[in-house]
Amino acid sequence: MAIIGLDHIQIAIPAGGEDRARRFYGDLLGMHEVPKPDNLSPTGCWFERGGVSLHIGVDPEFVPARKAHPAFLVDDLASLRTRLETANIETHDDKPVEGYARFFTFDPFGNRVEFMQRGET
């Protein structure tokens, strides 16, 4: 038995946050919403882009993930940062990681999100 890949990332949001998730992950990040299977909870939403699947689930006892986070690889980190900051979303740098340029932000629910671009330090 061997792990052969990653199927999806799941993050939590509070009840009623789906429209804010759609604006952030869909409109700002350019992910495409995909239908959830009918047998799953009608709450939450799923997104995909570039081989990445993000499942957003509603947690009635939601607490934002301030340390644990998804790290998305992007092809134009500077443009994404500008887009987020133009939308009044704060971004911040962290310790450098060799071979990558990167920054962090928080989604509308306080979940930490990292964006990385290969080939830069």
Protein backbone atom coordinates (compact mmCIF):
# COMPACT_ATOMS: atom_id res chain seq x y z
CA MET A 1 0.00 0.00 0.00
CA ALA A 2 1.28 3.46 -0.89
CA ILE A 3 -0.22 6.93 -0.86
CA ILE A 4 -0.38 7.92 -4.51
CA GLY A 5 -1.79 11.43 -4.43
CA LEU A 6 -4.09 13.92 -2.80
CA ASP A 7 -7.77 13.81 -3.72
CA HIS A 8 -8.97 17.02 -2.09
CA ILE A 9 -8.51 19.55 0.68
CA GLN A 10 -11.37 20.28 3.05
CA ILE A 11 -11.75 23.43 5.09
CA ALA A 12 -14.56 24.47 7.39
CA ILE A 13 -16.74 27.56 7.42
CA PRO A 14 -19.58 28.70 9.68
CA ALA A 15 -23.22 28.12 8.78
CA GLY A 16 -24.47 30.49 6.10
CA GLY A 17 -21.00 31.33 4.76
CA GLU A 18 -21.32 29.75 1.33
CA ASP A 19 -21.84 33.04 -0.56
CA ARG A 20 -18.74 34.58 1.05
CA ALA A 21 -16.81 31.40 0.17
CA ARG A 22 -18.00 31.68 -3.44
CA ARG A 23 -16.81 35.29 -3.64
CA PHE A 24 -13.38 34.50 -2.20
CA TYR A 25 -12.56 31.09 -3.68
CA GLY A 26 -14.61 31.50 -6.86
CA ASP A 27 -14.54 35.16 -7.83
CA LEU A 28 -11.17 36.23 -6.38
CA LEU A 29 -9.16 33.02 -6.76
CA GLY A 30 -10.79 31.88 -10.00
CA MET A 31 -11.78 28.43 -8.79
CA HIS A 32 -14.84 26.85 -10.42
CA GLU A 33 -17.70 25.61 -8.29
CA VAL A 34 -18.62 22.00 -8.99
CA PRO A 35 -21.76 20.14 -7.91
CA LYS A 36 -21.65 18.11 -4.73
CA PRO A 37 -23.04 14.56 -4.81
CA ASP A 38 -26.75 14.49 -4.00
CA ASN A 39 -26.26 12.16 -1.04
CA LEU A 40 -24.07 14.67 0.84
CA SER A 41 -25.17 17.55 3.02
CA PRO A 42 -26.78 20.36 1.03
CA THR A 43 -24.61 22.88 2.90
CA GLY A 44 -21.10 23.84 1.89
CA CYS A 45 -19.65 24.02 -1.61
CA TRP A 46 -16.92 22.42 -3.70
CA PHE A 47 -14.42 24.08 -6.02
CA GLU A 48 -11.82 22.91 -8.54
CA ARG A 49 -9.05 24.48 -10.58
CA GLY A 50 -5.89 23.13 -12.15
CA GLY A 51 -6.14 19.67 -10.62
CA VAL A 52 -6.91 21.01 -7.13
CA SER A 53 -10.19 20.12 -5.42
CA LEU A 54 -11.31 22.19 -2.44
CA HIS A 55 -14.27 21.02 -0.37
CA ILE A 56 -15.80 23.61 1.92
CA GLY A 57 -17.92 22.16 4.69
CA VAL A 58 -20.15 23.83 7.24
CA ASP A 59 -19.15 23.17 10.85
CA PRO A 60 -21.77 24.18 13.44
CA GLU A 61 -18.93 24.60 15.98
CA PHE A 62 -16.66 26.43 13.53
CA VAL A 63 -13.27 27.68 14.70
CA PRO A 64 -10.94 29.12 12.04
CA ALA A 65 -7.76 27.21 11.19
CA ARG A 66 -5.13 29.82 12.06
CA LYS A 67 -2.08 27.57 11.57
CA ALA A 68 -3.16 24.55 9.49
CA HIS A 69 -3.76 25.65 5.91
CA PRO A 70 -3.91 24.74 2.25
CA ALA A 71 -0.98 25.94 0.15
CA PHE A 72 -1.95 26.63 -3.45
CA LEU A 73 0.67 26.69 -6.21
CA VAL A 74 0.02 29.56 -8.63
CA ASP A 75 1.62 30.74 -11.86
CA ASP A 76 1.54 34.49 -11.18
CA LEU A 77 1.96 35.21 -7.48
CA ALA A 78 2.43 38.95 -7.90
CA SER A 79 -0.82 39.39 -9.85
CA LEU A 80 -2.76 37.33 -7.32
CA ARG A 81 -1.38 39.38 -4.46
CA THR A 82 -2.37 42.60 -6.23
CA ARG A 83 -5.87 41.22 -6.88
CA LEU A 84 -6.34 40.29 -3.22
CA GLU A 85 -4.96 43.57 -1.88
CA THR A 86 -7.12 45.56 -4.32
CA ALA A 87 -10.09 43.71 -2.78
CA ASN A 88 -8.90 44.90 0.67
CA ILE A 89 -7.66 41.48 1.69
CA GLU A 90 -4.47 41.69 3.72
CA THR A 91 -1.51 39.58 2.68
CA HIS A 92 1.70 38.95 4.58
CA ASP A 93 5.06 37.33 4.05
CA ASP A 94 6.56 34.67 6.27
CA LYS A 95 9.95 33.02 6.51
CA PRO A 96 11.43 32.28 3.10
CA VAL A 97 11.33 28.77 1.66
CA GLU A 98 14.07 27.96 -0.82
CA GLY A 99 12.81 27.62 -4.38
CA TYR A 100 9.52 29.46 -3.80
CA ALA A 101 8.05 32.91 -3.53
CA ARG A 102 5.05 32.86 -1.21
CA PHE A 103 2.64 34.80 0.93
CA PHE A 104 -0.23 34.15 3.30
CA THR A 105 -3.68 35.56 3.79
CA PHE A 106 -6.85 34.62 5.63
CA ASP A 107 -10.12 33.76 3.94
CA PRO A 108 -13.30 35.62 5.00
CA PHE A 109 -13.72 33.17 7.90
CA GLY A 110 -10.22 33.53 9.35
CA ASN A 111 -8.79 30.33 7.83
CA ARG A 112 -5.13 30.68 6.91
CA VAL A 113 -4.32 30.24 3.19
CA GLU A 114 -0.88 30.14 1.55
CA PHE A 115 -0.02 30.90 -2.08
CA MET A 116 3.28 29.77 -3.58
CA GLN A 117 5.10 30.11 -6.89
CA ARG A 118 8.01 27.83 -7.80
CA GLY A 119 11.36 29.04 -9.00
CA GLU A 120 11.78 32.07 -6.78
CA THR A 121 13.18 32.67 -3.33
